[in-house]
Structure formats: C-alpha cells, structure tokens
Amino acid sequence: MFDDAAAQRYLAGLAPPATGSVRWLIYDHNRQWVSVVDSEIAPLRQDCRHVLSSLSEQDGIASLVEAIREFLADGTECTPQIIALSCALLMQSTGDLDEVFVRIQAAVMATLVDAEDVVVRPVGA
C-alpha cells in the first residue's frame, strides 16, 4: 500500500510549510495519485467545524469516508474539502477538536485511501 519511508524522503526535500500552516499528504491507492498540500490552520479549523456541524446523528465515519472518496474522484481541485473531511474523520475518533489540531500540527498528516478503507494518520506512524 503506502510507503511511509518513501513519503518521508520526498517530504524531506520540500521546503517546510509556512508558519501557521500544516502539511497534508493525500494518497489514492487505486490511481497511485499523491498530492501534498499546505493548509493554513485557521481556515482549516473553520472548514472542519463546518463539516462537523453539517453531520446529522445518523451520519458518521461511513458518510465522511464516502465524501472523501467522492471528492478524491473529482481531482486535485478538491483537496481542501478532502483535508476538512479528514479532520472531521479524526474528530469522530478522538471527540476533541483541540486534540485533533494538536495532532495535525505535530506531524505531516496523510489521508490514505484504498479499496477497503480511508485512514487518516501522521506520515510514518
């Protein structure tokens, strides 16, 4: 599936993200498509809150995963939506938005999409 060591070598060759930004890697296993995106924290937090507020009680991880897959199929112009949905997916597992953003700021995050699952985690974890 995803090669963390290769990703870390690639990321090491990039300039660091700007202050107040986080770096996110999106990987689609089916198309071997990779995108590296730097996103500012404040708008990302706002986008994540918007996604969370639009979820109903019945929605949850499955709907977030499906939305990520749909945006991924639309291509690179949808990376901001994929990242916001990825944050919301992390929020579903932790329950604390502040904790999610501490994790996001501590490492390069990755949204890894394959046929069975969508995983959001730090690169190298």
C-alpha atoms as a PDB file:
ATOM      1  CA  MET A   1       0.000   0.000   0.000  1.00  0.00           C
ATOM      2  CA  PHE A   2       1.525   3.298   1.118  1.00  0.00           C
ATOM      3  CA  ASP A   3       5.294   3.586   1.514  1.00  0.00           C
ATOM      4  CA  ASP A   4       5.922   5.819   4.540  1.00  0.00           C
ATOM      5  CA  ALA A   5       9.701   5.774   4.118  1.00  0.00           C
ATOM      6  CA  ALA A   6       9.464   6.977   0.511  1.00  0.00           C
ATOM      7  CA  ALA A   7       6.961   9.648   1.540  1.00  0.00           C
ATOM      8  CA  GLN A   8       9.257  10.866   4.315  1.00  0.00           C
ATOM      9  CA  ARG A   9      12.200  11.076   1.894  1.00  0.00           C
ATOM     10  CA  TYR A  10      10.077  13.043  -0.584  1.00  0.00           C
ATOM     11  CA  LEU A  11       8.729  15.382   2.106  1.00  0.00           C
ATOM     12  CA  ALA A  12      12.250  15.984   3.453  1.00  0.00           C
ATOM     13  CA  GLY A  13      13.155  17.515   0.079  1.00  0.00           C
ATOM     14  CA  LEU A  14      10.385  20.117   0.289  1.00  0.00           C
ATOM     15  CA  ALA A  15      10.638  23.491   1.960  1.00  0.00           C
ATOM     16  CA  PRO A  16       8.903  23.449   5.350  1.00  0.00           C
ATOM     17  CA  PRO A  17       5.310  24.685   5.465  1.00  0.00           C
ATOM     18  CA  ALA A  18       4.793  28.339   6.309  1.00  0.00           C
ATOM     19  CA  THR A  19       4.263  29.348   9.909  1.00  0.00           C
ATOM     20  CA  GLY A  20       0.632  28.757  10.834  1.00  0.00           C
ATOM     21  CA  SER A  21       0.241  26.064   8.194  1.00  0.00           C
ATOM     22  CA  VAL A  22       0.130  22.295   8.225  1.00  0.00           C
ATOM     23  CA  ARG A  23       1.222  19.872   5.539  1.00  0.00           C
ATOM     24  CA  TRP A  24      -1.122  17.159   4.373  1.00  0.00           C
ATOM     25  CA  LEU A  25      -0.463  14.252   2.030  1.00  0.00           C
ATOM     26  CA  ILE A  26      -3.354  12.634   0.165  1.00  0.00           C
ATOM     27  CA  TYR A  27      -2.825   9.206  -1.391  1.00  0.00           C
ATOM     28  CA  ASP A  28      -5.262   7.310  -3.633  1.00  0.00           C
ATOM     29  CA  HIS A  29      -4.119   3.674  -3.834  1.00  0.00           C
ATOM     30  CA  ASN A  30      -6.284   2.881  -6.890  1.00  0.00           C
ATOM     31  CA  ARG A  31      -4.800   5.579  -9.092  1.00  0.00           C
ATOM     32  CA  GLN A  32      -1.415   5.877  -7.350  1.00  0.00           C
ATOM     33  CA  TRP A  33      -2.252   9.582  -7.026  1.00  0.00           C
ATOM     34  CA  VAL A  34      -0.434  11.654  -4.441  1.00  0.00           C
ATOM     35  CA  SER A  35      -0.972  15.283  -3.550  1.00  0.00           C
ATOM     36  CA  VAL A  36       0.928  17.285  -0.941  1.00  0.00           C
ATOM     37  CA  VAL A  37      -0.948  20.328   0.312  1.00  0.00           C
ATOM     38  CA  ASP A  38      -0.032  23.058   2.776  1.00  0.00           C
ATOM     39  CA  SER A  39      -3.080  24.435   4.518  1.00  0.00           C
ATOM     40  CA  GLU A  40      -3.442  27.329   6.928  1.00  0.00           C
ATOM     41  CA  ILE A  41      -4.648  26.331  10.392  1.00  0.00           C
ATOM     42  CA  ALA A  42      -7.415  28.928  10.929  1.00  0.00           C
ATOM     43  CA  PRO A  43      -9.371  28.244   7.705  1.00  0.00           C
ATOM     44  CA  LEU A  44      -8.851  24.501   8.152  1.00  0.00           C
ATOM     45  CA  ARG A  45     -10.296  24.642  11.668  1.00  0.00           C
ATOM     46  CA  GLN A  46     -13.272  26.623  10.331  1.00  0.00           C
ATOM     47  CA  ASP A  47     -13.809  24.164   7.451  1.00  0.00           C
ATOM     48  CA  CYS A  48     -13.647  21.221   9.862  1.00  0.00           C
ATOM     49  CA  ARG A  49     -16.204  22.850  12.166  1.00  0.00           C
ATOM     50  CA  HIS A  50     -18.469  23.427   9.168  1.00  0.00           C
ATOM     51  CA  VAL A  51     -18.236  19.741   8.169  1.00  0.00           C
ATOM     52  CA  LEU A  52     -18.937  18.632  11.743  1.00  0.00           C
ATOM     53  CA  SER A  53     -21.925  20.959  12.082  1.00  0.00           C
ATOM     54  CA  SER A  54     -23.433  19.623   8.862  1.00  0.00           C
ATOM     55  CA  LEU A  55     -23.308  15.990  10.014  1.00  0.00           C
ATOM     56  CA  SER A  56     -26.518  14.539  11.353  1.00  0.00           C
ATOM     57  CA  GLU A  57     -26.770  11.977  14.154  1.00  0.00           C
ATOM     58  CA  GLN A  58     -27.033   9.188  11.565  1.00  0.00           C
ATOM     59  CA  ASP A  59     -24.010  10.413   9.655  1.00  0.00           C
ATOM     60  CA  GLY A  60     -20.657   9.371  10.880  1.00  0.00           C
ATOM     61  CA  ILE A  61     -17.494   7.723   9.752  1.00  0.00           C
ATOM     62  CA  ALA A  62     -19.115   5.953   6.770  1.00  0.00           C
ATOM     63  CA  SER A  63     -20.510   9.188   5.338  1.00  0.00           C
ATOM     64  CA  LEU A  64     -17.195  11.005   5.828  1.00  0.00           C
ATOM     65  CA  VAL A  65     -15.324   8.173   4.095  1.00  0.00           C
ATOM     66  CA  GLU A  66     -17.764   8.221   1.184  1.00  0.00           C
ATOM     67  CA  ALA A  67     -17.472  12.007   0.865  1.00  0.00           C
ATOM     68  CA  ILE A  68     -13.662  11.767   0.837  1.00  0.00           C
ATOM     69  CA  ARG A  69     -13.861   9.163  -1.953  1.00  0.00           C
ATOM     70  CA  GLU A  70     -16.236  11.363  -3.977  1.00  0.00           C
ATOM     71  CA  PHE A  71     -14.030  14.451  -3.670  1.00  0.00           C
ATOM     72  CA  LEU A  72     -10.942  12.382  -4.459  1.00  0.00           C
ATOM     73  CA  ALA A  73     -12.557  11.250  -7.705  1.00  0.00           C
ATOM     74  CA  ASP A  74     -13.009  14.927  -8.653  1.00  0.00           C
ATOM     75  CA  GLY A  75      -9.246  15.538  -8.550  1.00  0.00           C
ATOM     76  CA  THR A  76      -6.769  17.961  -7.084  1.00  0.00           C
ATOM     77  CA  GLU A  77      -9.074  20.981  -7.005  1.00  0.00           C
ATOM     78  CA  CYS A  78     -10.972  19.243  -4.183  1.00  0.00           C
ATOM     79  CA  THR A  79      -8.037  18.806  -1.818  1.00  0.00           C
ATOM     80  CA  PRO A  80      -9.289  21.473   0.654  1.00  0.00           C
ATOM     81  CA  GLN A  81     -12.540  19.519   1.034  1.00  0.00           C
ATOM     82  CA  ILE A  82     -10.660  16.233   1.454  1.00  0.00           C
ATOM     83  CA  ILE A  83      -8.499  17.754   4.186  1.00  0.00           C
ATOM     84  CA  ALA A  84     -11.507  19.239   6.033  1.00  0.00           C
ATOM     85  CA  LEU A  85     -13.302  15.889   5.851  1.00  0.00           C
ATOM     86  CA  SER A  86     -10.138  14.164   7.060  1.00  0.00           C
ATOM     87  CA  CYS A  87     -10.075  16.474  10.095  1.00  0.00           C
ATOM     88  CA  ALA A  88     -13.711  15.634  10.772  1.00  0.00           C
ATOM     89  CA  LEU A  89     -12.874  11.926  10.480  1.00  0.00           C
ATOM     90  CA  LEU A  90     -10.131  12.392  13.095  1.00  0.00           C
ATOM     91  CA  MET A  91     -12.626  14.263  15.262  1.00  0.00           C
ATOM     92  CA  GLN A  92     -15.003  11.289  15.098  1.00  0.00           C
ATOM     93  CA  SER A  93     -12.280   9.078  16.572  1.00  0.00           C
ATOM     94  CA  THR A  94     -10.989  11.480  19.253  1.00  0.00           C
ATOM     95  CA  GLY A  95     -14.036  13.534  20.183  1.00  0.00           C
ATOM     96  CA  ASP A  96     -11.932  16.652  20.823  1.00  0.00           C
ATOM     97  CA  LEU A  97     -11.299  19.204  18.090  1.00  0.00           C
ATOM     98  CA  ASP A  98      -8.442  20.849  20.004  1.00  0.00           C
ATOM     99  CA  GLU A  99      -6.702  17.471  20.326  1.00  0.00           C
ATOM    100  CA  VAL A 100      -7.163  16.894  16.605  1.00  0.00           C
ATOM    101  CA  PHE A 101      -5.404  20.162  15.811  1.00  0.00           C
ATOM    102  CA  VAL A 102      -2.573  19.422  18.227  1.00  0.00           C
ATOM    103  CA  ARG A 103      -2.020  16.141  16.349  1.00  0.00           C
ATOM    104  CA  ILE A 104      -2.253  17.842  12.968  1.00  0.00           C
ATOM    105  CA  GLN A 105       0.337  20.463  13.916  1.00  0.00           C
ATOM    106  CA  ALA A 106       2.751  17.876  15.333  1.00  0.00           C
ATOM    107  CA  ALA A 107       3.402  15.964  12.104  1.00  0.00           C
ATOM    108  CA  VAL A 108       2.708  15.761   8.396  1.00  0.00           C
ATOM    109  CA  MET A 109      -0.717  14.166   8.166  1.00  0.00           C
ATOM    110  CA  ALA A 110      -1.851  11.734   5.494  1.00  0.00           C
ATOM    111  CA  THR A 111      -5.217  10.693   4.159  1.00  0.00           C
ATOM    112  CA  LEU A 112      -4.698   7.229   2.706  1.00  0.00           C
ATOM    113  CA  VAL A 113      -7.476   5.852   0.525  1.00  0.00           C
ATOM    114  CA  ASP A 114      -7.626   2.262  -0.668  1.00  0.00           C
ATOM    115  CA  ALA A 115     -10.399  -0.102  -1.738  1.00  0.00           C
ATOM    116  CA  GLU A 116     -11.260  -1.169   1.813  1.00  0.00           C
ATOM    117  CA  ASP A 117     -10.704   1.867   3.965  1.00  0.00           C
ATOM    118  CA  VAL A 118      -9.776   5.508   4.405  1.00  0.00           C
ATOM    119  CA  VAL A 119      -7.146   6.084   7.075  1.00  0.00           C
ATOM    120  CA  VAL A 120      -6.082   9.464   8.432  1.00  0.00           C
ATOM    121  CA  ARG A 121      -2.801   9.408  10.332  1.00  0.00           C
ATOM    122  CA  PRO A 122       0.617  11.015  10.560  1.00  0.00           C
ATOM    123  CA  VAL A 123       3.112  10.004   7.898  1.00  0.00           C
ATOM    124  CA  GLY A 124       5.406   7.395   9.407  1.00  0.00           C
ATOM    125  CA  ALA A 125       3.004   6.292  12.153  1.00  0.00           C
END
